[in-house]
Protein backbone atom coordinates (compact mmCIF):
# COMPACT_ATOMS: atom_id res chain seq x y z
CA MET A 1 0.00 0.00 0.00
CA PRO A 2 1.71 3.25 -1.11
CA GLY A 3 2.65 5.68 1.60
CA GLN A 4 2.10 3.17 4.39
CA ALA A 5 4.63 1.98 6.93
CA SER A 6 5.20 -0.90 9.29
CA LEU A 7 4.59 -0.21 12.97
CA GLY A 8 7.18 -2.79 13.79
CA GLY A 9 10.02 -0.64 12.48
CA HIS A 10 11.01 2.45 10.54
CA THR A 11 10.80 1.20 6.94
CA ALA A 12 8.19 3.03 4.85
CA ILE A 13 6.61 1.22 1.90
CA GLY A 14 6.44 3.44 -1.18
CA ARG A 15 7.12 7.11 -1.72
CA ALA A 16 3.61 8.49 -2.17
CA ARG A 17 3.97 12.02 -0.85
CA GLN A 18 1.05 13.17 1.31
CA ASN A 19 0.34 16.44 3.07
CA GLU A 20 -1.69 16.52 6.29
CA HIS A 21 -3.09 20.03 6.20
CA GLY A 22 -4.27 20.39 9.80
CA GLY A 23 -5.44 23.98 9.86
CA CYS A 24 -3.40 25.02 6.81
CA ARG A 25 -5.11 26.02 3.61
CA GLN A 26 -5.39 23.63 0.67
CA ALA A 27 -2.73 25.40 -1.41
CA ASP A 28 -0.04 24.28 1.06
CA ARG A 29 0.75 21.01 -0.68
CA LYS A 30 1.65 22.60 -4.02
CA GLU A 31 3.58 25.33 -2.29
CA LEU A 32 5.48 22.77 -0.25
CA GLU A 33 6.32 20.66 -3.28
CA ARG A 34 7.57 23.71 -5.20
CA GLY A 35 9.80 24.67 -2.28
CA LEU A 36 10.98 21.28 -1.06
CA SER A 37 14.27 21.39 -2.94
CA VAL A 38 15.27 24.61 -1.19
CA MET A 39 13.83 23.83 2.25
CA LYS A 40 16.33 23.53 5.04
CA ILE A 41 16.23 21.45 8.19
CA ILE A 42 15.65 23.54 11.31
CA ARG A 43 15.30 20.58 13.66
CA VAL A 44 16.00 16.83 13.49
CA LEU A 45 13.39 14.82 15.40
CA ASN A 46 14.71 11.33 14.66
CA THR A 47 16.22 9.31 11.83
CA ASN A 48 12.97 9.50 9.85
CA ALA A 49 11.51 12.88 10.81
CA VAL A 50 12.70 16.47 10.57
CA VAL A 51 11.21 19.95 10.84
CA SER A 52 11.46 22.63 8.19
CA VAL A 53 9.74 25.95 7.41
CA ASP A 54 7.44 26.61 4.46
CA GLY A 55 7.14 29.73 2.32
CA GLU A 56 4.93 31.41 4.92
CA ASN A 57 7.36 30.73 7.76
CA ARG A 58 5.25 27.95 9.27
CA GLU A 59 6.95 24.92 10.78
CA VAL A 60 6.30 21.70 8.87
CA ILE A 61 7.04 18.18 10.10
CA ILE A 62 8.45 16.09 7.25
CA THR A 63 8.86 12.32 7.44
CA GLY A 64 10.56 9.75 5.25
CA PRO A 65 12.91 6.80 5.67
CA GLY A 66 16.35 8.10 6.62
CA ILE A 67 15.47 11.76 6.03
CA GLY A 68 17.04 12.75 9.35
CA PHE A 69 19.94 10.26 9.31
CA LYS A 70 23.20 12.05 10.19
CA LYS A 71 21.55 15.36 9.34
CA LYS A 72 22.10 18.65 11.11
CA LYS A 73 20.27 21.93 11.45
CA GLY A 74 20.74 24.13 8.38
CA GLU A 75 21.31 21.33 5.89
CA HIS A 76 19.12 21.01 2.80
CA LEU A 77 16.45 18.33 2.62
CA ASP A 78 16.94 15.36 0.32
CA GLU A 79 13.72 15.60 -1.73
CA SER A 80 13.92 11.96 -2.82
CA LEU A 81 13.46 10.83 0.80
CA ILE A 82 10.33 12.88 1.53
CA ASP A 83 7.30 10.69 2.23
CA LYS A 84 4.77 12.82 4.13
CA THR A 85 4.43 16.36 5.44
CA TYR A 86 2.38 17.56 8.41
CA CYS A 87 1.31 21.18 8.70
CA LEU A 88 -0.62 22.12 11.85
CA GLN A 89 -2.26 25.50 12.34
CA SER A 90 -1.41 25.87 16.02
CA LYS A 91 2.25 26.47 16.87
CA GLU A 92 1.68 24.95 20.29
CA SER A 93 0.16 21.77 18.79
CA SER A 94 2.99 21.55 16.26
CA HIS A 95 5.65 21.83 18.96
CA ARG A 96 3.91 19.26 21.13
CA LEU A 97 3.67 16.89 18.18
CA GLN A 98 7.38 17.35 17.49
CA GLU A 99 8.16 16.33 21.07
CA VAL A 100 6.01 13.21 20.68
CA VAL A 101 7.64 12.21 17.38
CA LYS A 102 11.09 12.70 18.95
CA ALA A 103 10.33 10.04 21.52
CA ILE A 104 8.43 7.45 19.45
CA SER A 105 8.23 6.17 15.90
CA GLU A 106 6.70 8.60 13.42
CA GLN A 107 4.74 5.67 12.01
CA TYR A 108 2.15 6.09 14.76
CA LEU A 109 1.66 9.65 13.53
CA GLU A 110 0.69 8.26 10.12
CA ILE A 111 -2.23 6.33 11.59
CA ALA A 112 -3.25 9.29 13.76
CA ALA A 113 -3.27 11.42 10.59
CA ARG A 114 -5.58 8.91 8.87
CA VAL A 115 -7.92 9.13 11.86
CA VAL A 116 -7.98 12.94 11.70
CA ARG A 117 -8.65 12.82 7.96
CA ALA A 118 -11.46 10.25 8.33
CA ALA A 119 -13.07 12.18 11.19
CA ARG A 120 -13.07 15.41 9.20
CA THR A 121 -13.83 14.26 5.66
CA GLU A 122 -15.89 11.09 6.13
CA GLN A 123 -17.80 11.94 9.31
CA GLY A 124 -17.81 15.74 9.15
CA LEU A 125 -16.45 16.10 12.69
CA LYS A 126 -14.77 19.35 13.77
CA VAL A 127 -11.70 17.93 15.46
CA ASN A 128 -8.86 20.06 16.77
CA ASP A 129 -5.28 19.63 15.52
CA ILE A 130 -4.36 18.50 19.05
CA LEU A 131 -5.72 15.09 18.02
CA TYR A 132 -2.52 14.49 16.03
CA VAL A 133 -0.62 14.82 19.31
CA THR A 134 -2.83 12.91 21.72
CA LEU A 135 -3.66 10.08 19.34
CA THR A 136 -0.09 9.50 18.14
CA ASP A 137 0.99 9.06 21.76
CA HIS A 138 -2.09 7.00 22.65
CA ILE A 139 -1.72 4.52 19.77
CA HIS A 140 1.95 4.02 20.62
CA SER A 141 1.06 3.35 24.28
CA ALA A 142 -1.78 0.96 23.35
CA VAL A 143 0.47 -1.09 21.07
CA GLU A 144 3.21 -1.22 23.69
CA ARG A 145 0.72 -2.34 26.35
CA TYR A 146 -0.55 -5.08 24.03
CA ARG A 147 2.98 -6.34 23.43
CA ALA A 148 3.47 -6.43 27.22
CA GLY A 149 0.32 -8.54 27.58
CA ILE A 150 -1.80 -5.72 29.01
CA GLN A 151 -5.22 -4.90 27.54
CA LEU A 152 -7.41 -2.31 29.23
CA LYS A 153 -11.19 -2.68 29.46
CA ASN A 154 -13.27 0.34 28.56
CA ILE A 155 -16.09 0.35 31.09
CA ILE A 156 -18.15 2.88 29.11
CA LYS A 157 -17.65 1.19 25.72
CA MET A 158 -21.37 0.62 25.18
CA ASP A 159 -22.19 4.25 25.97
CA ILE A 160 -19.44 5.45 23.62
CA ARG A 161 -20.92 3.32 20.82
CA LYS A 162 -24.40 4.67 21.57
CA PHE A 163 -23.70 8.37 22.06
CA TYR A 164 -20.71 8.90 19.77
CA SER A 165 -21.46 6.64 16.81
CA LYS A 166 -19.44 8.68 14.30
CA GLU A 167 -16.39 8.86 16.53
CA TYR A 168 -16.68 5.16 17.32
CA ALA A 169 -16.90 4.31 13.60
CA VAL A 170 -13.58 6.11 13.05
CA GLY A 171 -12.16 4.30 16.08
CA LYS A 172 -13.09 0.98 14.46
CA GLN A 173 -11.33 2.07 11.27
CA ALA A 174 -8.23 2.93 13.28
CA ILE A 175 -8.18 -0.54 14.83
CA GLN A 176 -8.30 -2.04 11.34
CA TRP A 177 -5.44 0.20 10.13
CA ILE A 178 -3.32 -0.75 13.14
CA TYR A 179 -4.01 -4.43 12.44
CA GLU A 180 -3.11 -4.08 8.77
CA GLU A 181 0.21 -2.46 9.65
CA SER A 182 1.23 -4.50 12.69
CA GLY A 183 -0.85 -7.67 12.86
CA ILE A 184 -2.11 -6.52 16.27
CA ASP A 185 -5.86 -6.46 16.89
CA LEU A 186 -6.49 -4.04 19.74
CA GLY A 187 -10.24 -4.81 19.74
CA GLU A 188 -13.43 -2.86 20.41
CA ASP A 189 -12.40 -1.59 23.84
CA GLU A 190 -9.52 0.26 22.21
CA ALA A 191 -11.80 1.51 19.41
CA ALA A 192 -13.87 3.16 22.14
CA PHE A 193 -10.74 4.70 23.73
CA ILE A 194 -9.76 6.16 20.35
CA ALA A 195 -13.32 7.49 19.97
CA MET A 196 -12.93 9.21 23.35
CA HIS A 197 -9.82 10.99 22.08
CA ILE A 198 -11.75 12.13 19.01
CA VAL A 199 -14.60 13.44 21.20
CA ALA A 200 -12.13 15.23 23.45
CA SER A 201 -10.60 16.98 20.43
CA GLU A 202 -14.05 18.32 19.53
CA LEU A 203 -14.40 19.97 22.94
CA GLU A 204 -12.86 23.23 24.08
CA ASN A 205 -10.52 21.90 26.75
CA ASN A 206 -9.45 18.74 24.87
CA GLU A 207 -9.32 16.60 28.03
CA VAL A 208 -10.00 12.89 27.53
CA SER A 209 -10.67 12.51 31.26
CA ASP A 210 -13.71 14.77 30.87
CA VAL A 211 -15.25 12.53 28.20
CA LYS A 212 -16.13 9.90 30.83
CA LYS A 213 -17.85 12.52 33.02
CA ILE A 214 -19.67 13.99 30.03
CA THR A 215 -20.82 10.54 28.93
CA GLU A 216 -22.12 9.76 32.41
CA LEU A 217 -24.11 13.02 32.44
CA ILE A 218 -25.55 12.32 28.97
CA THR A 219 -26.59 8.85 30.19
CA SER A 220 -28.34 10.39 33.20
CA ILE A 221 -30.20 12.99 31.14
CA VAL A 222 -31.33 10.43 28.58
CA GLN A 223 -32.56 8.18 31.39
CA ILE A 224 -34.45 11.04 33.06
CA VAL A 225 -36.23 11.88 29.80
CA ARG A 226 -36.96 8.22 29.03
CA ILE A 227 -38.45 7.47 32.46
CA HIS A 228 -40.29 10.79 32.86
CA PHE A 229 -42.07 10.54 29.51
CA LYS A 230 -42.14 6.72 29.37
CA VAL A 231 -40.67 6.67 25.86
CA SER A 232 -38.38 4.34 23.96
CA PHE A 233 -35.87 6.22 21.87
CA HIS A 234 -35.35 5.52 18.17
CA GLU A 235 -31.57 5.71 18.32
CA ASP A 236 -31.15 5.88 14.55
CA SER A 237 -33.57 8.79 14.16
CA VAL A 238 -32.38 12.27 13.21
CA SER A 239 -34.09 13.87 16.23
CA TYR A 240 -32.38 11.47 18.67
CA GLN A 241 -28.96 12.00 17.08
CA ARG A 242 -29.43 15.77 17.24
CA PHE A 243 -30.44 15.46 20.88
CA ILE A 244 -27.29 13.49 21.71
CA THR A 245 -25.06 15.94 19.80
CA HIS A 246 -26.63 18.82 21.73
CA LEU A 247 -26.13 16.99 25.05
CA LYS A 248 -22.46 16.36 24.26
CA PHE A 249 -21.62 20.05 24.06
CA PHE A 250 -24.16 21.06 26.69
CA SER A 251 -22.59 18.60 29.17
CA ALA A 252 -19.13 19.99 28.41
CA ARG A 253 -20.39 23.46 29.36
CA VAL A 254 -21.79 22.10 32.63
CA PHE A 255 -18.33 20.89 33.65
CA ASP A 256 -16.64 24.03 32.36
CA HIS A 257 -19.27 26.20 34.08
CA THR A 258 -19.68 28.26 30.90
CA ALA A 259 -23.40 28.86 30.38
CA TYR A 260 -25.02 30.35 27.31
CA GLN A 261 -25.76 34.05 27.63
CA ASP A 262 -29.53 34.54 27.82
CA SER A 263 -30.70 36.15 24.60
CA MET A 264 -34.03 34.51 23.78
CA GLU A 265 -36.24 35.16 26.81
CA GLU A 266 -39.31 36.16 24.78
CA ILE A 267 -39.12 33.08 22.55
CA TYR A 268 -38.52 30.95 25.64
CA GLU A 269 -41.70 32.18 27.34
CA VAL A 270 -43.79 31.47 24.25
CA MET A 271 -42.28 27.99 23.79
CA VAL A 272 -42.88 27.06 27.43
CA LYS A 273 -46.55 28.10 27.23
CA GLN A 274 -47.04 26.15 24.01
CA ASN A 275 -45.20 23.05 25.23
CA GLU A 276 -45.95 22.72 28.93
CA TYR A 277 -45.82 18.91 28.92
CA ALA A 278 -42.42 18.77 27.21
CA TYR A 279 -41.15 21.46 29.57
CA THR A 280 -41.80 19.23 32.60
CA GLY A 281 -38.90 17.12 31.31
CA VAL A 282 -36.69 20.19 31.08
CA GLU A 283 -37.47 20.99 34.71
CA LYS A 284 -36.58 17.43 35.77
CA VAL A 285 -33.22 17.66 34.01
CA ALA A 286 -32.54 21.15 35.39
CA GLN A 287 -33.29 20.04 38.95
CA PHE A 288 -31.01 17.02 38.60
CA ILE A 289 -28.10 19.08 37.27
CA GLU A 290 -28.58 21.78 39.91
CA LYS A 291 -28.50 19.18 42.69
CA GLN A 292 -25.77 16.95 41.27
CA TYR A 293 -23.42 19.48 39.67
CA GLN A 294 -24.37 22.82 41.26
CA TYR A 295 -25.02 24.27 37.82
CA SER A 296 -28.08 26.36 36.96
CA LEU A 297 -29.37 26.11 33.42
CA SER A 298 -29.71 29.44 31.65
CA ILE A 299 -32.88 30.37 29.79
CA ASP A 300 -31.22 29.67 26.43
CA GLU A 301 -30.05 26.24 27.61
CA ARG A 302 -33.56 25.40 28.82
CA LEU A 303 -34.96 26.55 25.47
CA TYR A 304 -32.63 24.35 23.42
CA LEU A 305 -33.31 21.39 25.68
CA LEU A 306 -37.05 21.98 25.30
CA ILE A 307 -36.76 22.08 21.51
CA HIS A 308 -34.96 18.73 21.40
CA ILE A 309 -37.33 17.03 23.86
CA LYS A 310 -40.32 18.34 21.88
CA ARG A 311 -38.91 16.86 18.67
CA ILE A 312 -38.50 13.46 20.31
CA LEU A 313 -42.03 13.53 21.76
CA ASP A 314 -43.47 14.61 18.38
CA GLU A 315 -41.67 11.71 16.77
CA GLN A 316 -43.24 9.32 19.29
CA LYS A 317 -46.72 10.66 18.46
CA ASN A 318 -46.19 10.02 14.75
CA ASP A 319 -45.30 6.35 15.26
C-alpha cells in the first residue's frame, strides 16, 4: 500500500507524498512541493523525521525513511526521501507533536493522521489539531501495552458506541489500520478509547478525562427523559442524534461552568406556554443538574433542551 509503513520498524513502503493540512489552507501542498528542494532542516526529530519551514514561515514536520539520518540543522532536505508532510495550524500543537515524534516512531503519527482525515472528511467532525498529538501518543502506548500482555477494558464502551457513533466508527477504522500495519488487533475496547480521544478533540478543553464525566451526564439525562415521559428512543432517528449531539456540548459546558448568555427570553416564554408537557422534562433535568453538579441552566439552555425534547415527543406521536 503506497505511503504506508510498518509499525514494527522504521521502513516506509512506497514514496507516495502526502500532506496533512491540519489547519493550513489547501494550497499548502503545491507550495510545499515547489519549495521542497530549497527547504532547510531547522530541527532533526529522529532518523525519519525532521522539521522545516514553508514559504509562509510555518513549521512543517516532514517524514521519510532516513530523512534525518546524520543530518544537522541548516542542511538542505533530500527531496527523494520525503514521504509525508504535516502542517498544523497551532504552533503549540505543532511543537507538542514534534516532542512526541522525537520520543516514538513517526509511524504512529501516520495512523493518527488517517484518523484525523477520516473524522473530518468522512464523518464531518470538527476535530482540533491537538488530536494528532494525543492520538499519536495513545496509539503508541496501546500497542506497547498489548505487546506487554496488558489490555485495558473500557467500562463505558457501550455508551461510547451509543452516544458517539461517528467517533466510534472512526475508532473501528483505526483498529483495522493498526491491524493491517502491525498484525495486532487491539479490539473494540480500544476503538472506544480512540473514539474518546476524538470526542475530546471536539471539545474546548481537549481533556479525555472529561469525556467519561460527560458521557455519564448524557446517560443520566437520557434516562431522566426516558423514564419521565415513558418513551423508547429511536436511536437511529435524526431527532435522537441531534439530541445526543446537543447533550455532548451542553454537558461539556456544565463541567466548564460556561453557560449560554440569555438572549431569547421572549421566545422561551412562548415555547414554554405552548409546550408545557415537554417542559416538565426540562425541569426534571434542570433540577437534577442543579443538585448533582451545582449548575443552573440558563434560559437559552432550557430553550434548546425543550426544543430537542419536543422533537422526540413529536416523533413518538407520529409512530
